[in-house]
Protein backbone atom coordinates (compact mmCIF):
# COMPACT_ATOMS: atom_id res chain seq x y z
CA UNK A 1 34.98 87.67 147.51
CA UNK A 2 36.86 84.97 149.39
CA UNK A 3 39.59 85.43 152.00
CA UNK A 4 42.48 83.02 151.48
CA UNK A 5 44.39 82.66 154.73
CA UNK A 6 48.03 81.65 154.38
CA UNK A 7 49.90 80.31 157.38
CA UNK A 8 53.48 81.60 157.43
CA UNK A 9 56.22 80.28 159.71
CA UNK A 10 58.41 83.31 160.46
CA UNK A 11 61.67 81.93 161.88
CA UNK A 12 64.13 84.45 163.30
CA UNK A 13 61.51 87.16 163.52
CA UNK A 14 62.92 88.53 166.80
CA UNK A 15 66.05 89.83 165.02
CA UNK A 16 66.37 93.44 163.86
CA UNK A 17 65.51 92.82 160.21
CA UNK A 18 62.94 90.14 160.95
CA UNK A 19 61.03 92.36 163.37
CA UNK A 20 61.16 95.71 161.61
CA UNK A 21 61.08 95.03 157.89
CA UNK A 22 59.44 91.62 157.61
CA UNK A 23 57.00 91.49 160.50
CA UNK A 24 56.00 95.11 161.19
CA UNK A 25 56.42 96.81 157.82
CA UNK A 26 55.41 93.85 155.68
CA UNK A 27 53.17 91.16 157.19
CA UNK A 28 51.48 93.31 159.86
CA UNK A 29 51.08 96.13 157.32
CA UNK A 30 49.45 93.74 154.83
CA UNK A 31 47.06 92.51 157.51
CA UNK A 32 46.17 96.07 158.54
CA UNK A 33 45.38 97.04 154.94
CA UNK A 34 42.93 94.14 154.74
CA UNK A 35 45.09 91.69 152.82
CA UNK A 36 46.27 91.51 149.22
CA UNK A 37 43.60 91.76 146.54
CA UNK A 38 43.81 89.36 143.59
CA UNK A 39 42.53 90.03 140.08
CA UNK A 40 39.38 87.97 140.72
CA UNK A 41 38.49 90.00 143.81
CA UNK A 42 39.66 87.41 146.35
CA UNK A 43 42.10 88.48 149.06
CA UNK A 44 45.17 86.87 150.56
CA UNK A 45 45.46 87.24 154.32
CA UNK A 46 48.84 86.24 155.80
CA UNK A 47 48.58 84.51 159.18
CA UNK A 48 52.05 84.36 160.74
CA UNK A 49 53.31 82.08 163.48
CA UNK A 50 56.31 83.73 165.13
CA UNK A 51 59.25 81.39 165.73
CA UNK A 52 62.43 82.07 167.64
CA UNK A 53 64.55 81.12 170.64
CA UNK A 54 63.43 83.93 172.99
CA UNK A 55 60.00 83.04 174.33
CA UNK A 56 59.43 86.36 176.11
CA UNK A 57 60.23 88.36 172.98
CA UNK A 58 57.92 86.25 170.82
CA UNK A 59 55.07 86.83 173.27
CA UNK A 60 55.80 90.56 173.35
CA UNK A 61 55.63 90.82 169.57
CA UNK A 62 52.49 88.70 169.36
CA UNK A 63 50.74 90.80 172.00
CA UNK A 64 51.89 94.07 170.44
CA UNK A 65 50.43 93.25 167.04
CA UNK A 66 47.42 91.18 168.09
CA UNK A 67 48.84 87.92 166.79
CA UNK A 68 47.74 84.67 168.41
CA UNK A 69 50.38 82.27 167.13
CA UNK A 70 53.97 81.91 168.33
CA UNK A 71 56.27 79.06 169.36
CA UNK A 72 59.87 78.18 170.14
CA UNK A 73 59.36 74.77 168.50
CA UNK A 74 60.00 75.09 164.78
CA UNK A 75 59.35 71.37 164.20
CA UNK A 76 55.86 71.77 165.63
CA UNK A 77 55.19 74.65 163.23
CA UNK A 78 56.55 72.66 160.27
CA UNK A 79 54.30 69.69 161.15
CA UNK A 80 51.16 71.86 160.90
CA UNK A 81 49.66 71.58 157.39
CA UNK A 82 47.97 74.96 157.86
CA UNK A 83 51.37 76.63 157.53
CA UNK A 84 52.13 76.79 153.81
CA UNK A 85 55.21 79.04 153.80
CA UNK A 86 58.46 78.89 155.74
CA UNK A 87 60.27 82.24 156.07
CA UNK A 88 63.82 82.42 157.43
CA UNK A 89 65.60 85.53 158.70
CA UNK A 90 67.91 83.79 161.14
CA UNK A 91 71.66 84.40 161.10
CA UNK A 92 73.38 83.07 158.00
CA UNK A 93 74.98 80.07 159.73
CA UNK A 94 71.52 78.72 160.72
CA UNK A 95 69.61 79.45 157.53
CA UNK A 96 70.48 76.54 155.24
CA UNK A 97 69.53 73.88 157.78
CA UNK A 98 66.23 75.61 158.48
CA UNK A 99 65.44 75.73 154.76
CA UNK A 100 66.34 72.05 154.32
CA UNK A 101 63.92 71.01 157.05
CA UNK A 102 61.17 73.19 155.62
CA UNK A 103 61.61 71.79 152.12
CA UNK A 104 61.46 68.26 153.56
CA UNK A 105 58.20 69.25 155.27
CA UNK A 106 56.79 70.39 151.90
CA UNK A 107 56.67 74.12 152.69
CA UNK A 108 57.12 76.89 150.16
CA UNK A 109 60.31 78.81 150.96
CA UNK A 110 60.90 82.54 151.32
CA UNK A 111 64.10 83.68 152.97
CA UNK A 112 66.65 86.38 153.57
CA UNK A 113 70.04 86.29 151.95
CA UNK A 114 72.68 84.98 151.91
CA UNK A 115 70.79 81.71 151.59
CA UNK A 116 73.82 79.65 152.65
CA UNK A 117 77.48 79.90 153.62
CA UNK A 118 78.81 78.62 150.28
CA UNK A 119 77.81 78.57 146.63
CA UNK A 120 77.62 74.76 146.66
CA UNK A 121 75.25 74.75 149.63
CA UNK A 122 73.10 77.51 148.12
CA UNK A 123 72.82 75.54 144.87
CA UNK A 124 71.91 72.43 146.83
CA UNK A 125 69.00 74.27 148.44
CA UNK A 126 67.77 75.47 145.04
CA UNK A 127 67.93 71.92 143.68
CA UNK A 128 66.15 70.46 146.72
CA UNK A 129 63.32 72.98 146.31
CA UNK A 130 63.01 72.20 142.61
CA UNK A 131 62.92 68.45 143.22
CA UNK A 132 60.33 68.88 146.00
CA UNK A 133 58.17 71.07 143.76
CA UNK A 134 57.91 73.87 146.32
CA UNK A 135 57.79 77.50 145.32
CA UNK A 136 60.68 79.58 146.57
CA UNK A 137 61.92 83.13 146.76
CA UNK A 138 64.80 85.16 148.17
CA UNK A 139 64.56 88.71 149.51
CA UNK A 140 66.01 91.16 146.98
CA UNK A 141 64.51 94.28 148.46
CA UNK A 142 66.72 96.98 146.95
CA UNK A 143 65.15 96.43 143.54
CA UNK A 144 61.96 98.00 144.92
CA UNK A 145 63.45 101.06 146.60
CA UNK A 146 61.96 104.29 145.18
CA UNK A 147 65.36 105.63 144.12
CA UNK A 148 66.24 102.46 142.22
CA UNK A 149 62.78 102.23 140.64
CA UNK A 150 63.28 105.78 139.30
CA UNK A 151 66.71 104.76 138.04
CA UNK A 152 65.22 101.72 136.29
CA UNK A 153 62.68 104.01 134.64
CA UNK A 154 65.53 106.11 133.23
CA UNK A 155 67.35 103.02 131.94
CA UNK A 156 64.22 101.66 130.27
CA UNK A 157 63.57 105.04 128.60
CA UNK A 158 67.04 105.13 126.99
CA UNK A 159 67.95 108.28 128.95
CA UNK A 160 71.64 107.36 129.30
CA UNK A 161 72.34 106.52 125.66
CA UNK A 162 75.26 104.13 125.95
CA UNK A 163 75.95 103.38 129.61
CA UNK A 164 79.62 103.76 130.43
CA UNK A 165 80.20 103.33 134.15
CA UNK A 166 78.50 102.97 137.54
CA UNK A 167 79.81 104.12 140.94
CA UNK A 168 78.13 102.70 144.02
CA UNK A 169 78.89 104.03 147.50
CA UNK A 170 77.35 102.30 150.50
CA UNK A 171 77.99 102.48 154.21
CA UNK A 172 78.10 104.41 157.44
CA UNK A 173 80.01 104.47 160.71
CA UNK A 174 79.03 101.63 163.03
CA UNK A 175 79.98 102.59 166.57
CA UNK A 176 82.58 100.36 168.15
CA UNK A 177 80.51 99.94 171.32
CA UNK A 178 82.90 101.59 173.78
CA UNK A 179 81.37 105.05 174.14
CA UNK A 180 78.24 104.49 172.06
CA UNK A 181 76.38 101.24 171.49
CA UNK A 182 76.91 99.70 168.06
CA UNK A 183 74.02 99.74 165.60
CA UNK A 184 74.74 96.26 164.28
CA UNK A 185 74.99 92.92 166.13
CA UNK A 186 78.47 91.72 167.05
CA UNK A 187 78.22 88.54 164.95
CA UNK A 188 78.46 90.76 161.86
CA UNK A 189 82.16 91.23 162.67
CA UNK A 190 83.05 87.59 163.36
CA UNK A 191 83.85 85.45 160.34
CA UNK A 192 83.21 82.26 162.30
CA UNK A 193 79.61 83.40 162.91
CA UNK A 194 78.92 84.19 159.26
CA UNK A 195 79.84 87.87 159.49
CA UNK A 196 81.58 90.16 157.03
CA UNK A 197 80.47 92.94 154.71
CA UNK A 198 81.41 90.99 151.57
CA UNK A 199 79.10 88.12 152.53
CA UNK A 200 76.41 90.65 153.51
CA UNK A 201 76.51 93.19 150.70
CA UNK A 202 77.78 91.38 147.60
CA UNK A 203 74.60 89.31 147.59
CA UNK A 204 72.82 92.66 147.17
CA UNK A 205 75.23 93.99 144.57
CA UNK A 206 74.77 90.91 142.43
CA UNK A 207 71.04 91.41 141.88
CA UNK A 208 71.24 95.21 141.73
CA UNK A 209 73.97 95.15 139.07
CA UNK A 210 72.43 92.32 137.04
CA UNK A 211 68.86 93.64 137.02
CA UNK A 212 69.82 97.26 136.30
CA UNK A 213 73.08 97.34 134.36
CA UNK A 214 73.98 93.95 132.88
CA UNK A 215 75.45 90.53 133.49
CA UNK A 216 78.66 90.42 135.52
CA UNK A 217 81.62 89.01 133.55
CA UNK A 218 84.46 89.34 136.07
CA UNK A 219 85.40 91.10 139.29
CA UNK A 220 88.24 92.31 141.46
CA UNK A 221 87.82 92.90 145.18
CA UNK A 222 89.91 94.11 148.10
CA UNK A 223 88.51 93.65 151.59
CA UNK A 224 89.67 95.11 154.89
CA UNK A 225 89.07 94.90 158.62
CA UNK A 226 89.54 98.54 159.51
CA UNK A 227 88.29 98.26 163.12
CA UNK A 228 89.95 95.26 164.77
CA UNK A 229 88.38 95.49 168.24
CA UNK A 230 84.75 96.10 169.19
CA UNK A 231 82.51 95.76 172.26
CA UNK A 232 79.71 93.17 172.13
CA UNK A 233 76.17 93.22 173.53
CA UNK A 234 77.44 92.11 176.94
CA UNK A 235 80.00 94.87 177.20
CA UNK A 236 82.92 92.53 176.45
CA UNK A 237 85.69 93.41 174.03
CA UNK A 238 86.17 90.99 171.14
CA UNK A 239 88.47 90.67 168.14
CA UNK A 240 86.91 91.36 164.75
CA UNK A 241 87.73 88.49 162.42
CA UNK A 242 85.52 89.53 159.48
CA UNK A 243 85.89 92.30 156.92
CA UNK A 244 84.10 95.58 157.64
CA UNK A 245 84.88 97.20 154.26
CA UNK A 246 85.17 96.02 150.66
CA UNK A 247 86.25 97.77 147.48
CA UNK A 248 85.04 96.02 144.35
CA UNK A 249 85.26 96.54 140.59
CA UNK A 250 83.01 94.62 138.18
CA UNK A 251 83.33 94.20 134.42
CA UNK A 252 79.99 93.55 132.71
CA UNK A 253 79.35 91.64 129.48
CA UNK A 254 78.16 94.88 127.83
CA UNK A 255 81.39 96.74 128.65
CA UNK A 256 80.00 98.78 131.56
CA UNK A 257 82.42 99.13 134.48
CA UNK A 258 80.91 99.13 137.99
CA UNK A 259 82.78 100.23 141.11
CA UNK A 260 81.20 99.41 144.48
CA UNK A 261 82.55 100.58 147.83
CA UNK A 262 80.96 99.06 150.93
CA UNK A 263 81.97 100.05 154.45
CA UNK A 264 80.85 100.01 158.07
CA UNK A 265 83.80 102.26 158.88
CA UNK A 266 83.02 105.38 156.83
CA UNK A 267 81.39 108.65 157.87
CA UNK A 268 78.71 109.76 155.45
CA UNK A 269 79.41 112.80 153.29
CA UNK A 270 76.89 112.14 150.54
CA UNK A 271 73.13 112.49 150.17
CA UNK A 272 72.18 108.98 151.30
CA UNK A 273 73.57 105.79 152.84
CA UNK A 274 73.56 104.29 149.36
CA UNK A 275 74.23 106.33 146.23
CA UNK A 276 74.53 104.96 142.70
CA UNK A 277 75.92 107.22 139.97
CA UNK A 278 75.40 106.12 136.39
CA UNK A 279 77.21 107.91 133.57
CA UNK A 280 76.26 107.55 129.92
CA UNK A 281 76.91 109.26 126.62
CA UNK A 282 73.62 111.19 126.75
CA UNK A 283 73.18 111.77 130.47
CA UNK A 284 73.99 110.87 134.05
CA UNK A 285 71.98 110.08 137.17
CA UNK A 286 72.57 109.68 140.89
CA UNK A 287 70.09 107.49 142.77
CA UNK A 288 69.73 107.10 146.52
CA UNK A 289 67.32 105.03 148.57
CA UNK A 290 64.37 107.29 147.75
CA UNK A 291 65.50 110.06 145.40
CA UNK A 292 67.09 110.23 141.98
CA UNK A 293 68.52 113.21 140.12
CA UNK A 294 69.72 113.64 136.55
CA UNK A 295 71.96 115.74 134.35
CA UNK A 296 71.37 115.54 130.60
CA UNK A 297 74.11 116.18 128.07
CA UNK A 298 72.53 119.52 127.08
CA UNK A 299 72.61 120.64 130.73
CA UNK A 300 76.15 119.50 131.43
CA UNK A 301 78.33 122.45 132.60
CA UNK A 302 81.91 123.08 131.50
CA UNK A 303 84.08 123.11 134.61
CA UNK A 304 87.62 124.43 134.24
CA UNK A 305 90.41 123.19 136.51
CA UNK A 306 91.87 126.17 138.35
CA UNK A 307 92.95 125.56 141.96
CA UNK A 308 94.16 129.16 142.31
CA UNK A 309 90.65 130.61 142.64
CA UNK A 310 87.63 129.67 144.77
CA UNK A 311 85.38 127.08 143.10
CA UNK A 312 82.84 129.08 141.04
CA UNK A 313 80.48 126.15 140.53
CA UNK A 314 77.64 124.93 142.72
CA UNK A 315 77.72 121.42 141.28
CA UNK A 316 74.79 120.12 143.35
CA UNK A 317 72.41 122.76 141.94
CA UNK A 318 73.12 121.64 138.37
CA UNK A 319 71.07 118.44 138.72
CA UNK A 320 67.29 117.95 138.35
CA UNK A 321 65.10 115.70 140.50
CA UNK A 322 63.29 112.78 138.88
CA UNK A 323 59.61 113.04 139.88
CA UNK A 324 57.96 110.17 141.72
CA UNK A 325 54.82 110.07 139.54
CA UNK A 326 53.46 107.30 141.78
CA UNK A 327 53.15 106.16 145.39
CA UNK A 328 55.99 103.89 146.52
CA UNK A 329 55.35 101.22 149.13
CA UNK A 330 57.90 99.63 151.47
CA UNK A 331 60.35 97.59 149.36
CA UNK A 332 60.17 94.51 151.61
CA UNK A 333 56.36 94.63 151.64
CA UNK A 334 56.21 94.89 147.84
CA UNK A 335 58.23 91.70 147.47
CA UNK A 336 56.22 89.87 150.14
CA UNK A 337 53.05 90.70 148.21
CA UNK A 338 54.62 89.41 144.99
CA UNK A 339 55.65 86.13 146.60
CA UNK A 340 52.28 85.58 148.27
CA UNK A 341 50.56 86.11 144.92
CA UNK A 342 52.99 83.61 143.43
CA UNK A 343 52.09 80.98 146.04
CA UNK A 344 48.32 81.52 146.08
CA UNK A 345 47.54 82.62 142.52
CA UNK A 346 50.58 81.23 140.69
CA UNK A 347 51.57 84.67 139.43
CA UNK A 348 55.00 84.89 137.80
CA UNK A 349 58.00 85.18 140.12
CA UNK A 350 61.68 84.66 139.32
CA UNK A 351 63.62 85.87 142.38
CA UNK A 352 64.15 82.31 143.56
CA UNK A 353 66.76 80.28 145.43
CA UNK A 354 68.87 80.00 142.28
CA UNK A 355 69.03 83.80 142.18
CA UNK A 356 70.04 83.69 145.84
CA UNK A 357 72.81 81.22 145.00
CA UNK A 358 74.15 83.66 142.42
CA UNK A 359 74.51 86.24 145.18
CA UNK A 360 76.45 83.80 147.33
CA UNK A 361 78.60 82.95 144.32
CA UNK A 362 79.53 86.61 143.90
CA UNK A 363 80.51 86.85 147.58
CA UNK A 364 82.61 83.69 147.32
CA UNK A 365 84.39 84.97 144.22
CA UNK A 366 85.02 88.36 145.83
CA UNK A 367 86.62 86.63 148.82
CA UNK A 368 88.72 84.55 146.41
CA UNK A 369 89.81 87.69 144.55
CA UNK A 370 90.83 89.35 147.81
CA UNK A 371 92.68 86.29 149.06
CA UNK A 372 94.57 85.71 145.81
CA UNK A 373 94.90 89.40 144.85
CA UNK A 374 93.55 88.78 141.35
CA UNK A 375 90.71 89.29 138.88
CA UNK A 376 88.28 86.36 138.73
CA UNK A 377 85.67 85.41 136.13
CA UNK A 378 82.03 84.94 137.13
CA UNK A 379 80.76 81.78 135.41
CA UNK A 380 77.11 81.11 134.69
CA UNK A 381 75.38 79.23 137.48
CA UNK A 382 72.94 76.43 136.67
CA UNK A 383 71.04 74.05 138.91
CA UNK A 384 72.59 70.97 137.34
CA UNK A 385 75.95 72.16 138.65
CA UNK A 386 74.88 71.49 142.23
CA UNK A 387 76.88 68.77 143.93
CA UNK A 388 74.59 66.08 145.33
């Protein structure tokens, strides 16, 4: 058995997502389990170098998790041939430039989404990676959530018969920062800093819808800035220039209609922060982040509309839980392991920068739909369409 160490530049690791999901729950967790075992018995051992702008925070993280490598000089990390992979979880406005430099340095690319601020720029990155011959991947974590994996199992089994419609509800109340500190950074609510829930969430909805329900043909979207003033990390009031809610409808090639509501200004009265209801001719399901429940056609009750009497139905009790039947790992960690196997052992992997560009395309088209108050088609996206 051989240990294959892989140097990974982790840029932006001091941010919320970079620290919690990518460093602690993915890379550190992989190291603590002894690496990733390959089919031939060899193991991949990720060796991260933490990169960011806050020196004291980098040192804290390195000390906390017994890591020896950190730097505020990303160029120094890129110049080191030991580092094979560049990972980027910076804010959106910084990501594309970081990826360009890493591609030029010959590093394999793994990054958060959105990959860029525009479809054209995202396509350019995908083309640059292809021309450089570097492997590349984009985080599409929700595909590996337990609830969505159970839902995929139902789809693959034919449980729904003909799928008819999908209703997706996502969001929660983000505190304004006046009497309770906000749970999200202030840049999320400034358009000029790359903020906005359409830019954030439609990149997710693109891969969730496409991989589970079908190819998106067209969309209609209405955005809103429901909370126009918030308090930032320094206690200063600022004007929110980005959307904090979006209400989208998607028409798929197969005729399925998908509705997706996304909001940071909604109080949760559902079973999870994300719920996805799928209705079909033979059955329905509601999936959350971890759980999934079903109602088959033979178990479907017959409600009768009568507002003059108390509701006689306990609708929630009429659904059955889908069993796990397996152990589910952290969704981010699962995808990290897939990408590392792709780099080291050349295992198949298709969640690349082109897929990331398709997410940015959906966000751009949703913003266009909102601005022009119209339905817009979603054209196929190919690498040769990139403007050079």
